[in-house]
Amino acid sequence: MQTCIVKVRKDGLLAPPKKVREQLRRRVGDDLEIVMRPRRTKTPLEEVREKLSDLVGPEEAQRWLHAPLALFEGRRPVDLIKQGEVDRIMQIVVRLEEGIHN
Protein backbone atom coordinates (compact mmCIF):
# COMPACT_ATOMS: atom_id res chain seq x y z
CA MET A 1 0.00 0.00 0.00
CA GLN A 2 1.35 3.44 -0.91
CA THR A 3 1.00 6.38 1.48
CA CYS A 4 0.46 9.96 0.43
CA ILE A 5 1.01 12.82 2.86
CA VAL A 6 -1.33 15.74 2.30
CA LYS A 7 -0.11 18.98 3.86
CA VAL A 8 -2.62 20.93 5.90
CA ARG A 9 -2.65 24.71 6.26
CA LYS A 10 -3.91 26.58 9.30
CA ASP A 11 -7.09 27.41 7.40
CA GLY A 12 -7.71 23.86 6.18
CA LEU A 13 -6.61 21.37 3.59
CA LEU A 14 -4.71 22.36 0.49
CA ALA A 15 -7.41 20.56 -1.50
CA PRO A 16 -10.62 18.84 -0.44
CA PRO A 17 -9.84 15.26 0.71
CA LYS A 18 -12.29 13.62 -1.72
CA LYS A 19 -10.83 15.49 -4.67
CA VAL A 20 -7.29 14.60 -3.58
CA ARG A 21 -8.21 10.94 -3.19
CA GLU A 22 -9.77 10.83 -6.64
CA GLN A 23 -6.74 12.47 -8.27
CA LEU A 24 -4.28 10.18 -6.50
CA ARG A 25 -6.28 7.02 -7.19
CA ARG A 26 -6.17 7.85 -10.90
CA ARG A 27 -2.39 8.03 -10.63
CA VAL A 28 -1.58 5.13 -8.27
CA GLY A 29 -4.70 2.98 -8.20
CA ASP A 30 -7.13 1.97 -5.44
CA ASP A 31 -4.43 0.67 -3.11
CA LEU A 32 -3.91 4.07 -1.46
CA GLU A 33 -3.77 5.36 2.10
CA ILE A 34 -3.89 9.10 2.70
CA VAL A 35 -2.24 10.47 5.85
CA MET A 36 -2.88 14.10 6.72
CA ARG A 37 -0.43 16.05 8.90
CA PRO A 38 -0.39 19.71 9.89
CA ARG A 39 2.33 21.86 8.37
CA ARG A 40 5.03 22.66 10.92
CA THR A 41 5.46 26.34 11.57
CA LYS A 42 8.30 27.95 13.47
CA THR A 43 7.74 29.03 17.04
CA PRO A 44 8.51 32.65 17.93
CA LEU A 45 11.65 31.45 19.74
CA GLU A 46 12.82 29.56 16.63
CA GLU A 47 12.24 32.65 14.47
CA VAL A 48 14.25 34.90 16.80
CA ARG A 49 17.01 32.31 17.20
CA GLU A 50 17.29 31.87 13.42
CA LYS A 51 17.46 35.61 12.72
CA LEU A 52 19.96 36.17 15.52
CA SER A 53 22.06 33.17 14.44
CA ASP A 54 22.37 34.68 10.98
CA LEU A 55 23.81 37.83 12.58
CA VAL A 56 26.15 36.50 15.25
CA GLY A 57 26.28 32.73 14.81
CA PRO A 58 24.31 29.99 16.58
CA GLU A 59 26.44 29.75 19.73
CA GLU A 60 26.45 33.48 20.40
CA ALA A 61 22.73 33.65 19.65
CA GLN A 62 22.10 30.91 22.20
CA ARG A 63 24.18 32.72 24.82
CA TRP A 64 22.40 36.03 24.17
CA LEU A 65 18.94 34.45 24.39
CA HIS A 66 19.72 32.82 27.76
CA ALA A 67 21.69 35.64 29.42
CA PRO A 68 20.07 38.09 31.84
CA LEU A 69 20.42 41.47 30.12
CA ALA A 70 20.30 44.98 31.57
CA LEU A 71 18.49 45.98 28.36
CA PHE A 72 15.54 43.89 29.60
CA GLU A 73 15.78 44.81 33.30
CA GLY A 74 17.95 41.78 34.02
CA ARG A 75 15.56 39.34 32.39
CA ARG A 76 16.53 36.78 29.75
CA PRO A 77 15.26 37.27 26.18
CA VAL A 78 14.12 33.63 26.09
CA ASP A 79 11.84 34.27 29.09
CA LEU A 80 10.39 37.40 27.51
CA ILE A 81 9.65 35.49 24.32
CA LYS A 82 7.85 32.81 26.34
CA GLN A 83 5.82 35.58 28.02
CA GLY A 84 4.69 36.87 24.62
CA GLU A 85 7.05 39.82 24.28
CA VAL A 86 8.42 38.63 20.94
CA ASP A 87 8.00 42.03 19.27
CA ARG A 88 10.19 43.66 21.90
CA ILE A 89 12.97 41.13 21.28
CA MET A 90 12.61 41.29 17.49
CA GLN A 91 12.93 45.09 17.60
CA ILE A 92 16.34 44.69 19.22
CA VAL A 93 17.39 41.98 16.76
CA VAL A 94 16.35 44.19 13.81
CA ARG A 95 18.30 47.10 15.29
CA LEU A 96 21.36 44.84 15.59
CA GLU A 97 20.84 43.76 12.01
CA GLU A 98 20.74 47.40 10.89
CA GLY A 99 23.87 48.21 12.88
CA ILE A 100 22.14 50.29 15.55
CA HIS A 101 23.62 49.37 18.93
CA ASN A 102 22.15 52.04 21.26
PDB file of N, CA and C in Angstrom:
ATOM      1  N   MET A   1       0.843  -1.177   0.000  1.00  0.00           N
ATOM      2  CA  MET A   1       0.000   0.000   0.000  1.00  0.00           C
ATOM      3  C   MET A   1       0.887   1.239   0.000  1.00  0.00           C
ATOM      4  N   GLN A   2       0.618   2.186  -0.874  1.00  0.00           N
ATOM      5  CA  GLN A   2       1.354   3.440  -0.908  1.00  0.00           C
ATOM      6  C   GLN A   2       0.698   4.438   0.033  1.00  0.00           C
ATOM      7  N   THR A   3       1.512   5.354   0.584  1.00  0.00           N
ATOM      8  CA  THR A   3       1.001   6.384   1.479  1.00  0.00           C
ATOM      9  C   THR A   3       1.272   7.736   0.871  1.00  0.00           C
ATOM     10  N   CYS A   4       0.303   8.600   0.926  1.00  0.00           N
ATOM     11  CA  CYS A   4       0.460   9.963   0.429  1.00  0.00           C
ATOM     12  C   CYS A   4       0.253  10.898   1.608  1.00  0.00           C
ATOM     13  N   ILE A   5       1.163  11.839   1.784  1.00  0.00           N
ATOM     14  CA  ILE A   5       1.013  12.819   2.857  1.00  0.00           C
ATOM     15  C   ILE A   5       0.443  14.098   2.256  1.00  0.00           C
ATOM     16  N   VAL A   6      -0.687  14.515   2.758  1.00  0.00           N
ATOM     17  CA  VAL A   6      -1.332  15.736   2.300  1.00  0.00           C
ATOM     18  C   VAL A   6      -1.056  16.808   3.329  1.00  0.00           C
ATOM     19  N   LYS A   7      -0.408  17.896   2.926  1.00  0.00           N
ATOM     20  CA  LYS A   7      -0.115  18.981   3.865  1.00  0.00           C
ATOM     21  C   LYS A   7      -1.386  19.744   4.198  1.00  0.00           C
ATOM     22  N   VAL A   8      -1.452  20.207   5.425  1.00  0.00           N
ATOM     23  CA  VAL A   8      -2.618  20.930   5.899  1.00  0.00           C
ATOM     24  C   VAL A   8      -2.188  22.340   6.295  1.00  0.00           C
ATOM     25  N   ARG A   9      -2.909  23.331   5.859  1.00  0.00           N
ATOM     26  CA  ARG A   9      -2.645  24.715   6.261  1.00  0.00           C
ATOM     27  C   ARG A   9      -3.446  25.024   7.512  1.00  0.00           C
ATOM     28  N   LYS A  10      -3.151  26.166   8.122  1.00  0.00           N
ATOM     29  CA  LYS A  10      -3.914  26.582   9.298  1.00  0.00           C
ATOM     30  C   LYS A  10      -5.400  26.696   8.973  1.00  0.00           C
ATOM     31  N   ASP A  11      -5.705  27.170   7.767  1.00  0.00           N
ATOM     32  CA  ASP A  11      -7.095  27.408   7.404  1.00  0.00           C
ATOM     33  C   ASP A  11      -7.761  26.202   6.740  1.00  0.00           C
ATOM     34  N   GLY A  12      -7.100  25.055   6.733  1.00  0.00           N
ATOM     35  CA  GLY A  12      -7.712  23.858   6.181  1.00  0.00           C
ATOM     36  C   GLY A  12      -6.805  23.123   5.225  1.00  0.00           C
ATOM     37  N   LEU A  13      -7.380  22.191   4.519  1.00  0.00           N
ATOM     38  CA  LEU A  13      -6.611  21.366   3.592  1.00  0.00           C
ATOM     39  C   LEU A  13      -6.202  22.170   2.367  1.00  0.00           C
ATOM     40  N   LEU A  14      -5.132  21.738   1.733  1.00  0.00           N
ATOM     41  CA  LEU A  14      -4.707  22.359   0.488  1.00  0.00           C
ATOM     42  C   LEU A  14      -5.713  22.077  -0.621  1.00  0.00           C
ATOM     43  N   ALA A  15      -6.356  20.938  -0.547  1.00  0.00           N
ATOM     44  CA  ALA A  15      -7.409  20.560  -1.497  1.00  0.00           C
ATOM     45  C   ALA A  15      -8.396  19.686  -0.731  1.00  0.00           C
ATOM     46  N   PRO A  16      -9.638  19.685  -1.141  1.00  0.00           N
ATOM     47  CA  PRO A  16     -10.622  18.835  -0.440  1.00  0.00           C
ATOM     48  C   PRO A  16     -10.189  17.364  -0.473  1.00  0.00           C
ATOM     49  N   PRO A  17     -10.299  16.648   0.639  1.00  0.00           N
ATOM     50  CA  PRO A  17      -9.837  15.264   0.708  1.00  0.00           C
ATOM     51  C   PRO A  17     -10.397  14.372  -0.393  1.00  0.00           C
ATOM     52  N   LYS A  18     -11.686  14.477  -0.703  1.00  0.00           N
ATOM     53  CA  LYS A  18     -12.289  13.617  -1.718  1.00  0.00           C
ATOM     54  C   LYS A  18     -11.644  13.869  -3.077  1.00  0.00           C
ATOM     55  N   LYS A  19     -11.445  15.131  -3.397  1.00  0.00           N
ATOM     56  CA  LYS A  19     -10.827  15.486  -4.672  1.00  0.00           C
ATOM     57  C   LYS A  19      -9.388  14.954  -4.735  1.00  0.00           C
ATOM     58  N   VAL A  20      -8.662  15.094  -3.646  1.00  0.00           N
ATOM     59  CA  VAL A  20      -7.286  14.601  -3.578  1.00  0.00           C
ATOM     60  C   VAL A  20      -7.269  13.092  -3.775  1.00  0.00           C
ATOM     61  N   ARG A  21      -8.142  12.391  -3.066  1.00  0.00           N
ATOM     62  CA  ARG A  21      -8.208  10.935  -3.194  1.00  0.00           C
ATOM     63  C   ARG A  21      -8.475  10.512  -4.629  1.00  0.00           C
ATOM     64  N   GLU A  22      -9.426  11.190  -5.249  1.00  0.00           N
ATOM     65  CA  GLU A  22      -9.766  10.832  -6.639  1.00  0.00           C
ATOM     66  C   GLU A  22      -8.571  11.050  -7.559  1.00  0.00           C
ATOM     67  N   GLN A  23      -7.895  12.175  -7.413  1.00  0.00           N
ATOM     68  CA  GLN A  23      -6.738  12.467  -8.269  1.00  0.00           C
ATOM     69  C   GLN A  23      -5.615  11.451  -8.050  1.00  0.00           C
ATOM     70  N   LEU A  24      -5.354  11.120  -6.797  1.00  0.00           N
ATOM     71  CA  LEU A  24      -4.281  10.181  -6.499  1.00  0.00           C
ATOM     72  C   LEU A  24      -4.624   8.759  -6.936  1.00  0.00           C
ATOM     73  N   ARG A  25      -5.877   8.366  -6.773  1.00  0.00           N
ATOM     74  CA  ARG A  25      -6.282   7.017  -7.193  1.00  0.00           C
ATOM     75  C   ARG A  25      -6.108   6.857  -8.700  1.00  0.00           C
ATOM     76  N   ARG A  26      -6.380   7.921  -9.452  1.00  0.00           N
ATOM     77  CA  ARG A  26      -6.170   7.855 -10.897  1.00  0.00           C
ATOM     78  C   ARG A  26      -4.694   7.613 -11.212  1.00  0.00           C
ATOM     79  N   ARG A  27      -3.825   8.161 -10.380  1.00  0.00           N
ATOM     80  CA  ARG A  27      -2.387   8.031 -10.632  1.00  0.00           C
ATOM     81  C   ARG A  27      -1.795   6.726 -10.095  1.00  0.00           C
ATOM     82  N   VAL A  28      -2.222   6.292  -8.896  1.00  0.00           N
ATOM     83  CA  VAL A  28      -1.582   5.127  -8.273  1.00  0.00           C
ATOM     84  C   VAL A  28      -2.521   3.939  -8.071  1.00  0.00           C
ATOM     85  N   GLY A  29      -3.765   4.089  -8.353  1.00  0.00           N
ATOM     86  CA  GLY A  29      -4.699   2.981  -8.199  1.00  0.00           C
ATOM     87  C   GLY A  29      -5.450   3.034  -6.879  1.00  0.00           C
ATOM     88  N   ASP A  30      -6.274   2.002  -6.634  1.00  0.00           N
ATOM     89  CA  ASP A  30      -7.127   1.966  -5.445  1.00  0.00           C
ATOM     90  C   ASP A  30      -6.383   1.640  -4.165  1.00  0.00           C
ATOM     91  N   ASP A  31      -5.204   1.077  -4.277  1.00  0.00           N
ATOM     92  CA  ASP A  31      -4.425   0.673  -3.106  1.00  0.00           C
ATOM     93  C   ASP A  31      -3.702   1.896  -2.539  1.00  0.00           C
ATOM     94  N   LEU A  32      -4.441   2.774  -1.883  1.00  0.00           N
ATOM     95  CA  LEU A  32      -3.908   4.066  -1.464  1.00  0.00           C
ATOM     96  C   LEU A  32      -4.369   4.406  -0.049  1.00  0.00           C
ATOM     97  N   GLU A  33      -3.461   4.870   0.758  1.00  0.00           N
ATOM     98  CA  GLU A  33      -3.773   5.358   2.099  1.00  0.00           C
ATOM     99  C   GLU A  33      -3.344   6.813   2.168  1.00  0.00           C
ATOM    100  N   ILE A  34      -4.220   7.683   2.604  1.00  0.00           N
ATOM    101  CA  ILE A  34      -3.887   9.104   2.703  1.00  0.00           C
ATOM    102  C   ILE A  34      -3.699   9.456   4.171  1.00  0.00           C
ATOM    103  N   VAL A  35      -2.551  10.044   4.493  1.00  0.00           N
ATOM    104  CA  VAL A  35      -2.241  10.474   5.850  1.00  0.00           C
ATOM    105  C   VAL A  35      -2.144  11.993   5.836  1.00  0.00           C
ATOM    106  N   MET A  36      -2.912  12.635   6.691  1.00  0.00           N
ATOM    107  CA  MET A  36      -2.882  14.099   6.718  1.00  0.00           C
ATOM    108  C   MET A  36      -2.150  14.564   7.968  1.00  0.00           C
ATOM    109  N   ARG A  37      -1.190  15.493   7.795  1.00  0.00           N
ATOM    110  CA  ARG A  37      -0.425  16.054   8.898  1.00  0.00           C
ATOM    111  C   ARG A  37      -0.444  17.567   8.808  1.00  0.00           C
ATOM    112  N   PRO A  38      -0.462  18.248   9.952  1.00  0.00           N
ATOM    113  CA  PRO A  38      -0.392  19.712   9.888  1.00  0.00           C
ATOM    114  C   PRO A  38       0.998  20.158   9.458  1.00  0.00           C
ATOM    115  N   ARG A  39       1.049  21.299   8.764  1.00  0.00           N
ATOM    116  CA  ARG A  39       2.328  21.862   8.374  1.00  0.00           C
ATOM    117  C   ARG A  39       3.000  22.423   9.617  1.00  0.00           C
ATOM    118  N   ARG A  40       4.283  22.164   9.766  1.00  0.00           N
ATOM    119  CA  ARG A  40       5.028  22.661  10.922  1.00  0.00           C
ATOM    120  C   ARG A  40       5.408  24.111  10.690  1.00  0.00           C
ATOM    121  N   THR A  41       5.068  24.945  11.640  1.00  0.00           N
ATOM    122  CA  THR A  41       5.463  26.344  11.570  1.00  0.00           C
ATOM    123  C   THR A  41       6.472  26.607  12.672  1.00  0.00           C
ATOM    124  N   LYS A  42       7.282  27.619  12.476  1.00  0.00           N
ATOM    125  CA  LYS A  42       8.296  27.955  13.469  1.00  0.00           C
ATOM    126  C   LYS A  42       7.646  28.631  14.663  1.00  0.00           C
ATOM    127  N   THR A  43       8.178  28.336  15.844  1.00  0.00           N
ATOM    128  CA  THR A  43       7.738  29.029  17.044  1.00  0.00           C
ATOM    129  C   THR A  43       8.394  30.407  17.051  1.00  0.00           C
ATOM    130  N   PRO A  44       7.862  31.342  17.834  1.00  0.00           N
ATOM    131  CA  PRO A  44       8.512  32.652  17.927  1.00  0.00           C
ATOM    132  C   PRO A  44       9.974  32.547  18.356  1.00  0.00           C
ATOM    133  N   LEU A  45      10.273  31.636  19.287  1.00  0.00           N
ATOM    134  CA  LEU A  45      11.652  31.452  19.738  1.00  0.00           C
ATOM    135  C   LEU A  45      12.538  30.986  18.587  1.00  0.00           C
ATOM    136  N   GLU A  46      12.039  30.047  17.774  1.00  0.00           N
ATOM    137  CA  GLU A  46      12.817  29.564  16.629  1.00  0.00           C
ATOM    138  C   GLU A  46      13.077  30.683  15.620  1.00  0.00           C
ATOM    139  N   GLU A  47      12.078  31.533  15.408  1.00  0.00           N
ATOM    140  CA  GLU A  47      12.243  32.650  14.474  1.00  0.00           C
ATOM    141  C   GLU A  47      13.306  33.624  14.958  1.00  0.00           C
ATOM    142  N   VAL A  48      13.255  33.982  16.236  1.00  0.00           N
ATOM    143  CA  VAL A  48      14.245  34.902  16.801  1.00  0.00           C
ATOM    144  C   VAL A  48      15.629  34.256  16.761  1.00  0.00           C
ATOM    145  N   ARG A  49      15.718  33.005  17.181  1.00  0.00           N
ATOM    146  CA  ARG A  49      17.007  32.307  17.203  1.00  0.00           C
ATOM    147  C   ARG A  49      17.617  32.252  15.799  1.00  0.00           C
ATOM    148  N   GLU A  50      16.801  31.963  14.798  1.00  0.00           N
ATOM    149  CA  GLU A  50      17.292  31.869  13.420  1.00  0.00           C
ATOM    150  C   GLU A  50      17.816  33.217  12.928  1.00  0.00           C
ATOM    151  N   LYS A  51      17.056  34.267  13.163  1.00  0.00           N
ATOM    152  CA  LYS A  51      17.458  35.608  12.719  1.00  0.00           C
ATOM    153  C   LYS A  51      18.738  36.046  13.433  1.00  0.00           C
ATOM    154  N   LEU A  52      18.792  35.806  14.727  1.00  0.00           N
ATOM    155  CA  LEU A  52      19.958  36.174  15.521  1.00  0.00           C
ATOM    156  C   LEU A  52      21.179  35.333  15.131  1.00  0.00           C
ATOM    157  N   SER A  53      20.969  34.058  14.859  1.00  0.00           N
ATOM    158  CA  SER A  53      22.063  33.171  14.441  1.00  0.00           C
ATOM    159  C   SER A  53      22.686  33.645  13.134  1.00  0.00           C
ATOM    160  N   ASP A  54      21.855  34.156  12.236  1.00  0.00           N
ATOM    161  CA  ASP A  54      22.371  34.685  10.978  1.00  0.00           C
ATOM    162  C   ASP A  54      23.293  35.882  11.214  1.00  0.00           C
ATOM    163  N   LEU A  55      23.017  36.632  12.283  1.00  0.00           N
ATOM    164  CA  LEU A  55      23.810  37.829  12.580  1.00  0.00           C
ATOM    165  C   LEU A  55      25.107  37.521  13.321  1.00  0.00           C
ATOM    166  N   VAL A  56      25.001  36.686  14.354  1.00  0.00           N
ATOM    167  CA  VAL A  56      26.154  36.500  15.254  1.00  0.00           C
ATOM    168  C   VAL A  56      26.620  35.051  15.379  1.00  0.00           C
ATOM    169  N   GLY A  57      25.939  34.143  14.701  1.00  0.00           N
ATOM    170  CA  GLY A  57      26.278  32.727  14.808  1.00  0.00           C
ATOM    171  C   GLY A  57      25.412  32.041  15.846  1.00  0.00           C
ATOM    172  N   PRO A  58      25.229  30.727  15.697  1.00  0.00           N
ATOM    173  CA  PRO A  58      24.314  29.994  16.576  1.00  0.00           C
ATOM    174  C   PRO A  58      24.723  29.959  18.046  1.00  0.00           C
ATOM    175  N   GLU A  59      26.013  29.823  18.325  1.00  0.00           N
ATOM    176  CA  GLU A  59      26.442  29.745  19.729  1.00  0.00           C
ATOM    177  C   GLU A  59      26.243  31.073  20.449  1.00  0.00           C
ATOM    178  N   GLU A  60      26.632  32.161  19.787  1.00  0.00           N
ATOM    179  CA  GLU A  60      26.451  33.483  20.397  1.00  0.00           C
ATOM    180  C   GLU A  60      24.969  33.821  20.539  1.00  0.00           C
ATOM    181  N   ALA A  61      24.172  33.426  19.573  1.00  0.00           N
ATOM    182  CA  ALA A  61      22.726  33.654  19.649  1.00  0.00           C
ATOM    183  C   ALA A  61      22.143  32.925  20.854  1.00  0.00           C
ATOM    184  N   GLN A  62      22.572  31.703  21.055  1.00  0.00           N
ATOM    185  CA  GLN A  62      22.096  30.905  22.197  1.00  0.00           C
ATOM    186  C   GLN A  62      22.486  31.575  23.512  1.00  0.00           C
ATOM    187  N   ARG A  63      23.728  32.031  23.595  1.00  0.00           N
ATOM    188  CA  ARG A  63      24.181  32.716  24.822  1.00  0.00           C
ATOM    189  C   ARG A  63      23.358  33.980  25.076  1.00  0.00           C
ATOM    190  N   TRP A  64      23.136  34.773  24.031  1.00  0.00           N
ATOM    191  CA  TRP A  64      22.397  36.026  24.168  1.00  0.00           C
ATOM    192  C   TRP A  64      20.959  35.757  24.628  1.00  0.00           C
ATOM    193  N   LEU A  65      20.327  34.758  24.039  1.00  0.00           N
ATOM    194  CA  LEU A  65      18.938  34.446  24.387  1.00  0.00           C
ATOM    195  C   LEU A  65      18.782  33.999  25.837  1.00  0.00           C
ATOM    196  N   HIS A  66      19.821  33.386  26.409  1.00  0.00           N
ATOM    197  CA  HIS A  66      19.717  32.823  27.759  1.00  0.00           C
ATOM    198  C   HIS A  66      20.440  33.648  28.830  1.00  0.00           C
ATOM    199  N   ALA A  67      20.969  34.802  28.455  1.00  0.00           N
ATOM    200  CA  ALA A  67      21.689  35.643  29.420  1.00  0.00           C
ATOM    201  C   ALA A  67      20.764  36.717  29.979  1.00  0.00           C
ATOM    202  N   PRO A  68      20.810  36.953  31.288  1.00  0.00           N
ATOM    203  CA  PRO A  68      20.072  38.090  31.837  1.00  0.00           C
ATOM    204  C   PRO A  68      20.710  39.375  31.303  1.00  0.00           C
ATOM    205  N   LEU A  69      19.894  40.262  30.747  1.00  0.00           N
ATOM    206  CA  LEU A  69      20.423  41.469  30.121  1.00  0.00           C
ATOM    207  C   LEU A  69      19.857  42.724  30.768  1.00  0.00           C
ATOM    208  N   ALA A  70      20.727  43.699  31.002  1.00  0.00           N
ATOM    209  CA  ALA A  70      20.295  44.985  31.569  1.00  0.00           C
ATOM    210  C   ALA A  70      19.261  45.648  30.655  1.00  0.00           C
ATOM    211  N   LEU A  71      19.417  45.439  29.360  1.00  0.00           N
ATOM    212  CA  LEU A  71      18.494  45.976  28.361  1.00  0.00           C
ATOM    213  C   LEU A  71      17.038  45.578  28.651  1.00  0.00           C
ATOM    214  N   PHE A  72      16.882  44.412  29.271  1.00  0.00           N
ATOM    215  CA  PHE A  72      15.542  43.891  29.604  1.00  0.00           C
ATOM    216  C   PHE A  72      15.355  43.779  31.122  1.00  0.00           C
ATOM    217  N   GLU A  73      15.909  44.759  31.840  1.00  0.00           N
ATOM    218  CA  GLU A  73      15.783  44.809  33.303  1.00  0.00           C
ATOM    219  C   GLU A  73      16.281  43.531  33.968  1.00  0.00           C
ATOM    220  N   GLY A  74      17.350  42.971  33.447  1.00  0.00           N
ATOM    221  CA  GLY A  74      17.948  41.775  34.025  1.00  0.00           C
ATOM    222  C   GLY A  74      17.254  40.471  33.663  1.00  0.00           C
ATOM    223  N   ARG A  75      16.272  40.572  32.802  1.00  0.00           N
ATOM    224  CA  ARG A  75      15.563  39.342  32.389  1.00  0.00           C
ATOM    225  C   ARG A  75      16.214  38.760  31.136  1.00  0.00           C
ATOM    226  N   ARG A  76      15.970  37.470  30.911  1.00  0.00           N
ATOM    227  CA  ARG A  76      16.526  36.784  29.751  1.00  0.00           C
ATOM    228  C   ARG A  76      15.575  36.925  28.556  1.00  0.00           C
ATOM    229  N   PRO A  77      16.124  37.179  27.364  1.00  0.00           N
ATOM    230  CA  PRO A  77      15.264  37.270  26.179  1.00  0.00           C
ATOM    231  C   PRO A  77      14.372  36.044  25.987  1.00  0.00           C
ATOM    232  N   VAL A  78      14.897  34.852  26.262  1.00  0.00           N
ATOM    233  CA  VAL A  78      14.115  33.633  26.086  1.00  0.00           C
ATOM    234  C   VAL A  78      12.870  33.655  26.985  1.00  0.00           C
ATOM    235  N   ASP A  79      12.994  34.190  28.189  1.00  0.00           N
ATOM    236  CA  ASP A  79      11.838  34.269  29.092  1.00  0.00           C
ATOM    237  C   ASP A  79      10.816  35.290  28.587  1.00  0.00           C
ATOM    238  N   LEU A  80      11.303  36.395  28.052  1.00  0.00           N
ATOM    239  CA  LEU A  80      10.394  37.405  27.507  1.00  0.00           C
ATOM    240  C   LEU A  80       9.631  36.860  26.300  1.00  0.00           C
ATOM    241  N   ILE A  81      10.309  36.099  25.479  1.00  0.00           N
ATOM    242  CA  ILE A  81       9.647  35.487  24.323  1.00  0.00           C
ATOM    243  C   ILE A  81       8.548  34.542  24.793  1.00  0.00           C
ATOM    244  N   LYS A  82       8.851  33.746  25.798  1.00  0.00           N
ATOM    245  CA  LYS A  82       7.848  32.811  26.339  1.00  0.00           C
ATOM    246  C   LYS A  82       6.660  33.545  26.949  1.00  0.00           C
ATOM    247  N   GLN A  83       6.893  34.778  27.424  1.00  0.00           N
ATOM    248  CA  GLN A  83       5.821  35.580  28.016  1.00  0.00           C
ATOM    249  C   GLN A  83       5.069  36.393  26.966  1.00  0.00           C
ATOM    250  N   GLY A  84       5.421  36.197  25.695  1.00  0.00           N
ATOM    251  CA  GLY A  84       4.690  36.866  24.620  1.00  0.00           C
ATOM    252  C   GLY A  84       5.262  38.198  24.179  1.00  0.00           C
ATOM    253  N   GLU A  85       6.452  38.546  24.653  1.00  0.00           N
ATOM    254  CA  GLU A  85       7.054  39.822  24.283  1.00  0.00           C
ATOM    255  C   GLU A  85       8.023  39.659  23.100  1.00  0.00           C
ATOM    256  N   VAL A  86       7.588  38.917  22.113  1.00  0.00           N
ATOM    257  CA  VAL A  86       8.421  38.628  20.945  1.00  0.00           C
ATOM    258  C   VAL A  86       8.750  39.904  20.184  1.00  0.00           C
ATOM    259  N   ASP A  87       7.771  40.794  20.027  1.00  0.00           N
ATOM    260  CA  ASP A  87       8.001  42.029  19.273  1.00  0.00           C
ATOM    261  C   ASP A  87       9.116  42.861  19.897  1.00  0.00           C
ATOM    262  N   ARG A  88       9.145  42.897  21.194  1.00  0.00           N
ATOM    263  CA  ARG A  88      10.185  43.658  21.898  1.00  0.00           C
ATOM    264  C   ARG A  88      11.575  43.087  21.584  1.00  0.00           C
ATOM    265  N   ILE A  89      11.694  41.783  21.578  1.00  0.00           N
ATOM    266  CA  ILE A  89      12.967  41.132  21.284  1.00  0.00           C
ATOM    267  C   ILE A  89      13.325  41.324  19.812  1.00  0.00           C
ATOM    268  N   MET A  90      12.346  41.144  18.929  1.00  0.00           N
ATOM    269  CA  MET A  90      12.607  41.285  17.494  1.00  0.00           C
ATOM    270  C   MET A  90      13.031  42.714  17.142  1.00  0.00           C
ATOM    271  N   GLN A  91      12.502  43.708  17.842  1.00  0.00           N
ATOM    272  CA  GLN A  91      12.927  45.093  17.596  1.00  0.00           C
ATOM    273  C   GLN A  91      14.421  45.240  17.846  1.00  0.00           C
ATOM    274  N   ILE A  92      14.910  44.627  18.896  1.00  0.00           N
ATOM    275  CA  ILE A  92      16.337  44.692  19.216  1.00  0.00           C
ATOM    276  C   ILE A  92      17.148  43.941  18.166  1.00  0.00           C
ATOM    277  N   VAL A  93      16.670  42.768  17.767  1.00  0.00           N
ATOM    278  CA  VAL A  93      17.386  41.982  16.761  1.00  0.00           C
ATOM    279  C   VAL A  93      17.449  42.747  15.441  1.00  0.00           C
ATOM    280  N   VAL A  94      16.368  43.397  15.050  1.00  0.00           N
ATOM    281  CA  VAL A  94      16.355  44.185  13.815  1.00  0.00           C
ATOM    282  C   VAL A  94      17.320  45.358  13.932  1.00  0.00           C
ATOM    283  N   ARG A  95      17.351  45.990  15.091  1.00  0.00           N
ATOM    284  CA  ARG A  95      18.302  47.102  15.293  1.00  0.00           C
ATOM    285  C   ARG A  95      19.740  46.612  15.179  1.00  0.00           C
ATOM    286  N   LEU A  96      20.024  45.434  15.724  1.00  0.00           N
ATOM    287  CA  LEU A  96      21.363  44.845  15.592  1.00  0.00           C
ATOM    288  C   LEU A  96      21.671  44.571  14.116  1.00  0.00           C
ATOM    289  N   GLU A  97      20.678  44.070  13.418  1.00  0.00           N
ATOM    290  CA  GLU A  97      20.845  43.764  12.008  1.00  0.00           C
ATOM    291  C   GLU A  97      21.157  45.029  11.196  1.00  0.00           C
ATOM    292  N   GLU A  98      20.529  46.125  11.596  1.00  0.00           N
ATOM    293  CA  GLU A  98      20.739  47.399  10.889  1.00  0.00           C
ATOM    294  C   GLU A  98      21.974  48.144  11.376  1.00  0.00           C
ATOM    295  N   GLY A  99      22.658  47.583  12.385  1.00  0.00           N
ATOM    296  CA  GLY A  99      23.873  48.208  12.883  1.00  0.00           C
ATOM    297  C   GLY A  99      23.651  49.277  13.925  1.00  0.00           C
ATOM    298  N   ILE A 100      22.449  49.316  14.500  1.00  0.00           N
ATOM    299  CA  ILE A 100      22.138  50.292  15.552  1.00  0.00           C
ATOM    300  C   ILE A 100      22.336  49.589  16.893  1.00  0.00           C
ATOM    301  N   HIS A 101      23.277  50.070  17.689  1.00  0.00           N
ATOM    302  CA  HIS A 101      23.621  49.371  18.933  1.00  0.00           C
ATOM    303  C   HIS A 101      23.221  50.132  20.186  1.00  0.00           C
ATOM    304  N   ASN A 102      22.544  51.254  20.062  1.00  0.00           N
ATOM    305  CA  ASN A 102      22.151  52.037  21.261  1.00  0.00           C
ATOM    306  C   ASN A 102      20.693  51.855  21.553  1.00  0.00           C
TER     307      ASN A 102
END
